[in-house]
N, C-alpha and C. Protein backbone atom coordinates (compact mmCIF):
# COMPACT_ATOMS: atom_id res chain seq x y z
N MET A 1 22.66 3.36 248.39
CA MET A 1 21.26 3.60 248.00
C MET A 1 20.62 2.18 248.06
N THR A 2 19.47 2.17 248.70
CA THR A 2 18.78 0.85 248.73
C THR A 2 18.14 0.56 247.40
N LEU A 3 17.88 -0.72 247.22
CA LEU A 3 17.35 -1.16 245.87
C LEU A 3 16.00 -0.42 245.60
N SER A 4 15.14 -0.36 246.63
CA SER A 4 13.82 0.33 246.33
C SER A 4 13.96 1.78 246.08
N LEU A 5 14.90 2.44 246.76
CA LEU A 5 15.15 3.84 246.47
C LEU A 5 15.71 4.06 245.12
N GLU A 6 16.65 3.18 244.72
CA GLU A 6 17.22 3.25 243.39
C GLU A 6 16.15 3.07 242.29
N LYS A 7 15.31 2.11 242.52
CA LYS A 7 14.22 1.88 241.54
C LYS A 7 13.27 3.00 241.52
N GLU A 8 12.94 3.58 242.62
CA GLU A 8 12.09 4.77 242.64
C GLU A 8 12.70 5.96 241.94
N ALA A 9 14.01 6.18 242.14
CA ALA A 9 14.65 7.22 241.50
C ALA A 9 14.73 7.08 239.98
N LYS A 10 14.97 5.86 239.59
CA LYS A 10 15.02 5.54 238.11
C LYS A 10 13.64 5.76 237.52
N ALA A 11 12.56 5.37 238.18
CA ALA A 11 11.25 5.63 237.72
C ALA A 11 10.92 7.08 237.56
N ARG A 12 11.31 7.87 238.45
CA ARG A 12 11.09 9.29 238.44
C ARG A 12 11.89 9.97 237.27
N ILE A 13 13.08 9.49 237.13
CA ILE A 13 13.95 10.05 236.05
C ILE A 13 13.32 9.62 234.66
N ALA A 14 12.91 8.37 234.62
CA ALA A 14 12.31 7.86 233.34
C ALA A 14 11.03 8.63 233.01
N SER A 15 10.28 9.02 233.93
CA SER A 15 9.02 9.83 233.60
C SER A 15 9.41 11.34 233.28
N PHE A 16 10.52 11.77 233.73
CA PHE A 16 10.99 13.17 233.51
C PHE A 16 11.70 13.32 232.19
N LEU A 17 12.48 12.30 231.74
CA LEU A 17 13.35 12.50 230.58
C LEU A 17 12.64 12.80 229.31
N PRO A 18 11.60 12.14 228.94
CA PRO A 18 11.00 12.52 227.69
C PRO A 18 10.66 14.03 227.52
N GLN A 19 10.16 14.55 228.63
CA GLN A 19 9.80 16.02 228.61
C GLN A 19 11.08 16.79 228.56
N ALA A 20 12.10 16.44 229.26
CA ALA A 20 13.38 17.22 229.30
C ALA A 20 14.03 17.14 227.90
N ILE A 21 14.02 16.02 227.24
CA ILE A 21 14.66 15.85 225.96
C ILE A 21 13.84 16.73 224.97
N CYS A 22 12.51 16.68 224.98
CA CYS A 22 11.68 17.48 224.06
C CYS A 22 11.91 18.92 224.28
N LYS A 23 12.00 19.32 225.54
CA LYS A 23 12.24 20.78 225.84
C LYS A 23 13.59 21.26 225.42
N ALA A 24 14.62 20.44 225.57
CA ALA A 24 15.95 20.74 225.04
C ALA A 24 16.03 20.89 223.57
N LEU A 25 15.33 19.97 222.82
CA LEU A 25 15.34 20.05 221.39
C LEU A 25 14.58 21.29 220.93
N LYS A 26 13.44 21.53 221.56
CA LYS A 26 12.65 22.72 221.21
C LYS A 26 13.45 24.04 221.42
N SER A 27 14.09 24.08 222.57
CA SER A 27 14.92 25.27 222.90
C SER A 27 16.00 25.45 221.81
N TYR A 28 16.67 24.40 221.44
CA TYR A 28 17.71 24.38 220.42
C TYR A 28 17.14 24.94 219.09
N HIS A 29 16.03 24.34 218.67
CA HIS A 29 15.39 24.81 217.37
C HIS A 29 14.93 26.27 217.46
N ASP A 30 14.31 26.68 218.61
CA ASP A 30 13.88 28.05 218.72
C ASP A 30 15.16 29.00 218.71
N PHE A 31 16.22 28.60 219.34
CA PHE A 31 17.35 29.44 219.37
C PHE A 31 17.96 29.58 217.93
N MET A 32 18.13 28.44 217.29
CA MET A 32 18.70 28.47 215.98
C MET A 32 17.77 29.13 214.92
N GLY A 33 16.41 29.17 215.13
CA GLY A 33 15.53 29.82 214.26
C GLY A 33 15.48 31.31 214.45
N GLN A 34 16.10 31.88 215.39
CA GLN A 34 16.05 33.29 215.68
C GLN A 34 16.76 34.04 214.47
N ASP A 35 16.27 35.18 214.13
CA ASP A 35 16.88 36.04 213.17
C ASP A 35 17.97 36.83 213.88
N VAL A 36 19.16 36.38 213.84
CA VAL A 36 20.21 37.01 214.57
C VAL A 36 21.17 37.72 213.63
N SER A 37 21.46 39.01 213.95
CA SER A 37 22.39 39.73 213.12
C SER A 37 23.75 39.66 213.82
N ILE A 38 24.63 38.90 213.23
CA ILE A 38 25.96 38.72 213.85
C ILE A 38 26.94 39.56 213.06
N GLU A 39 27.28 40.75 213.72
CA GLU A 39 28.17 41.69 212.92
C GLU A 39 29.64 41.60 213.38
N ASP A 40 29.91 40.87 214.42
CA ASP A 40 31.31 40.79 214.76
C ASP A 40 31.64 39.35 215.15
N ALA A 41 32.97 39.10 215.31
CA ALA A 41 33.40 37.73 215.58
C ALA A 41 32.96 37.30 217.00
N LYS A 42 32.96 38.28 217.96
CA LYS A 42 32.57 37.96 219.34
C LYS A 42 31.16 37.53 219.43
N SER A 43 30.25 38.19 218.75
CA SER A 43 28.80 37.86 218.65
C SER A 43 28.59 36.48 218.05
N PHE A 44 29.35 36.21 216.94
CA PHE A 44 29.22 34.99 216.18
C PHE A 44 29.77 33.83 217.15
N GLY A 45 30.81 34.06 217.77
CA GLY A 45 31.36 33.02 218.69
C GLY A 45 30.42 32.72 219.88
N ALA A 46 29.79 33.74 220.39
CA ALA A 46 28.86 33.52 221.46
C ALA A 46 27.63 32.71 220.99
N HIS A 47 27.07 33.06 219.80
CA HIS A 47 25.98 32.37 219.24
C HIS A 47 26.32 30.85 218.93
N HIS A 48 27.52 30.69 218.37
CA HIS A 48 28.00 29.32 218.06
C HIS A 48 28.21 28.49 219.35
N THR A 49 28.78 29.14 220.33
CA THR A 49 28.96 28.38 221.57
C THR A 49 27.65 28.03 222.24
N ALA A 50 26.73 28.90 222.21
CA ALA A 50 25.40 28.65 222.81
C ALA A 50 24.76 27.48 222.10
N ALA A 51 24.83 27.42 220.83
CA ALA A 51 24.27 26.29 220.03
C ALA A 51 24.98 24.97 220.43
N LYS A 52 26.25 24.95 220.57
CA LYS A 52 26.97 23.79 220.97
C LYS A 52 26.69 23.31 222.36
N VAL A 53 26.36 24.21 223.30
CA VAL A 53 25.96 23.91 224.60
C VAL A 53 24.61 23.22 224.57
N ALA A 54 23.65 23.73 223.75
CA ALA A 54 22.40 23.09 223.64
C ALA A 54 22.44 21.69 223.09
N ILE A 55 23.36 21.55 222.14
CA ILE A 55 23.53 20.16 221.56
C ILE A 55 24.16 19.22 222.65
N ALA A 56 25.12 19.70 223.37
CA ALA A 56 25.67 18.89 224.46
C ALA A 56 24.69 18.54 225.49
N HIS A 57 23.74 19.43 225.76
CA HIS A 57 22.73 19.08 226.72
C HIS A 57 21.84 17.93 226.25
N VAL A 58 21.46 17.98 224.94
CA VAL A 58 20.60 16.91 224.39
C VAL A 58 21.37 15.64 224.46
N GLU A 59 22.72 15.63 224.12
CA GLU A 59 23.57 14.46 224.18
C GLU A 59 23.64 13.87 225.56
N LEU A 60 23.78 14.71 226.54
CA LEU A 60 23.78 14.23 227.96
C LEU A 60 22.46 13.60 228.36
N LEU A 61 21.40 14.13 227.98
CA LEU A 61 20.10 13.53 228.30
C LEU A 61 19.88 12.15 227.70
N ILE A 62 20.40 12.05 226.47
CA ILE A 62 20.33 10.76 225.75
C ILE A 62 21.23 9.73 226.48
N LYS A 63 22.39 10.18 226.84
CA LYS A 63 23.39 9.28 227.54
C LYS A 63 22.76 8.83 228.92
N LEU A 64 22.18 9.76 229.59
CA LEU A 64 21.55 9.45 230.90
C LEU A 64 20.46 8.39 230.68
N CYS A 65 19.69 8.57 229.71
CA CYS A 65 18.62 7.60 229.40
C CYS A 65 19.17 6.18 229.16
N LYS A 66 20.23 6.13 228.35
CA LYS A 66 20.81 4.86 227.89
C LYS A 66 21.58 4.25 229.06
N ALA A 67 22.37 5.05 229.79
CA ALA A 67 23.16 4.58 230.90
C ALA A 67 22.31 3.93 232.04
N SER A 68 21.17 4.56 232.21
CA SER A 68 20.32 4.16 233.33
C SER A 68 19.39 3.01 232.92
N ASP A 69 19.37 2.63 231.65
CA ASP A 69 18.46 1.58 231.26
C ASP A 69 17.09 1.79 231.84
N LEU A 70 16.49 2.94 231.56
CA LEU A 70 15.29 3.35 232.20
C LEU A 70 14.05 2.68 231.61
N SER A 71 14.10 2.16 230.43
CA SER A 71 12.90 1.59 229.86
C SER A 71 12.35 0.39 230.73
N GLY A 72 13.23 -0.24 231.42
CA GLY A 72 12.86 -1.35 232.32
C GLY A 72 12.10 -0.89 233.64
N GLU A 73 12.28 0.39 233.85
CA GLU A 73 11.67 0.95 235.05
C GLU A 73 10.33 1.52 234.86
N ILE A 74 9.78 1.46 233.69
CA ILE A 74 8.55 2.09 233.37
C ILE A 74 7.48 0.95 233.16
N ASN A 75 6.42 1.02 234.01
CA ASN A 75 5.39 -0.01 233.84
C ASN A 75 4.32 0.34 232.82
N ASN A 76 4.09 1.56 232.68
CA ASN A 76 3.15 2.03 231.67
C ASN A 76 3.60 1.95 230.28
N LYS A 77 2.94 1.20 229.42
CA LYS A 77 3.36 0.96 228.01
C LYS A 77 3.49 2.24 227.19
N ASP A 78 2.53 3.18 227.41
CA ASP A 78 2.53 4.40 226.71
C ASP A 78 3.81 5.28 227.08
N GLU A 79 4.09 5.32 228.39
CA GLU A 79 5.29 6.12 228.86
C GLU A 79 6.53 5.44 228.35
N LYS A 80 6.57 4.09 228.31
CA LYS A 80 7.81 3.46 227.79
C LYS A 80 7.93 3.72 226.34
N LYS A 81 6.87 3.67 225.55
CA LYS A 81 6.91 3.95 224.14
C LYS A 81 7.35 5.38 223.88
N ARG A 82 6.83 6.33 224.74
CA ARG A 82 7.22 7.76 224.52
C ARG A 82 8.67 7.93 224.77
N LEU A 83 9.20 7.25 225.84
CA LEU A 83 10.61 7.43 226.11
C LEU A 83 11.49 6.91 224.96
N VAL A 84 11.12 5.76 224.44
CA VAL A 84 11.83 5.18 223.31
C VAL A 84 11.73 6.09 222.05
N GLU A 85 10.60 6.58 221.76
CA GLU A 85 10.40 7.40 220.58
C GLU A 85 11.13 8.73 220.73
N VAL A 86 10.97 9.35 221.89
CA VAL A 86 11.72 10.68 222.10
C VAL A 86 13.20 10.49 222.01
N THR A 87 13.74 9.41 222.56
CA THR A 87 15.11 9.18 222.52
C THR A 87 15.60 8.93 221.07
N ALA A 88 14.81 8.21 220.30
CA ALA A 88 15.14 7.90 218.96
C ALA A 88 15.09 9.19 218.10
N GLN A 89 14.14 10.04 218.40
CA GLN A 89 14.00 11.34 217.65
C GLN A 89 15.21 12.22 217.98
N ALA A 90 15.62 12.26 219.19
CA ALA A 90 16.69 13.09 219.62
C ALA A 90 18.04 12.56 218.99
N GLU A 91 18.18 11.15 219.02
CA GLU A 91 19.37 10.67 218.35
C GLU A 91 19.38 10.98 216.84
N ALA A 92 18.25 10.91 216.14
CA ALA A 92 18.21 11.22 214.75
C ALA A 92 18.61 12.66 214.51
N GLU A 93 17.98 13.54 215.34
CA GLU A 93 18.32 14.96 215.13
C GLU A 93 19.83 15.25 215.46
N LEU A 94 20.37 14.55 216.41
CA LEU A 94 21.72 14.71 216.78
C LEU A 94 22.67 14.20 215.63
N ALA A 95 22.24 13.08 215.03
CA ALA A 95 23.02 12.61 213.95
C ALA A 95 22.98 13.59 212.70
N GLN A 96 21.84 14.19 212.50
CA GLN A 96 21.74 15.21 211.42
C GLN A 96 22.62 16.37 211.70
N TYR A 97 22.71 16.86 212.94
CA TYR A 97 23.52 17.93 213.33
C TYR A 97 25.00 17.61 213.02
N LYS A 98 25.37 16.42 213.53
CA LYS A 98 26.80 16.01 213.32
C LYS A 98 27.15 15.84 211.85
N SER A 99 26.23 15.30 211.14
CA SER A 99 26.46 15.16 209.62
C SER A 99 26.70 16.61 209.05
N ARG A 100 25.84 17.56 209.42
CA ARG A 100 26.03 18.90 208.89
C ARG A 100 27.31 19.46 209.36
N GLN A 101 27.70 19.21 210.55
CA GLN A 101 29.00 19.76 211.06
C GLN A 101 30.10 19.23 210.26
N GLU A 102 30.11 17.93 209.95
CA GLU A 102 31.15 17.34 209.14
C GLU A 102 31.23 17.98 207.78
N VAL A 103 30.10 18.22 207.18
CA VAL A 103 30.11 18.90 205.85
C VAL A 103 30.67 20.29 205.92
N TRP A 104 30.23 21.02 206.96
CA TRP A 104 30.72 22.42 207.13
C TRP A 104 32.21 22.42 207.34
N GLU A 105 32.73 21.47 208.17
CA GLU A 105 34.11 21.38 208.36
C GLU A 105 34.92 21.02 207.14
N GLU A 106 34.39 20.10 206.31
CA GLU A 106 35.06 19.79 205.08
C GLU A 106 35.02 20.96 204.14
N GLU A 107 33.95 21.72 204.06
CA GLU A 107 33.84 22.83 203.17
C GLU A 107 34.81 23.93 203.70
N GLY A 108 34.92 24.13 204.97
CA GLY A 108 35.88 25.06 205.46
C GLY A 108 37.32 24.77 205.19
N GLU A 109 37.68 23.52 205.12
CA GLU A 109 38.95 23.01 204.79
C GLU A 109 39.35 23.33 203.31
N HIS A 110 38.32 23.38 202.44
CA HIS A 110 38.52 23.56 201.05
C HIS A 110 38.37 25.00 200.54
N GLU A 111 37.93 25.91 201.51
CA GLU A 111 37.73 27.31 201.12
C GLU A 111 38.96 27.94 200.52
N GLY A 112 40.15 27.60 201.11
CA GLY A 112 41.33 28.21 200.65
C GLY A 112 41.77 27.69 199.32
N ASP A 113 41.18 26.56 198.83
CA ASP A 113 41.59 25.95 197.54
C ASP A 113 40.93 26.70 196.42
N LEU A 114 39.99 27.53 196.61
CA LEU A 114 39.18 28.20 195.46
C LEU A 114 40.05 29.16 194.71
């Protein structure tokens, strides 16, 4: 890939990523906010797996953003600021999710102790 083509590709990705991250987060929140009646283990497993896939998608978008060092490819200050803000928001929400997961796993380990 030539240098100019690489730079152009990074610029296009940089302009796309904030929207992609926001959409992935919104989709996750919408999915988790659904009133779901989970009556059997198979339905629960499917719902849980879908939530994990959504989280993995957000993680990959964040990694793409960081690995590509895209902030240097954006000339517009507002776009650069938006990319930084959206990435920070996604990282914060991901950290909250992981923190809750750790608590749930710890509580699950102690359920048999009751």
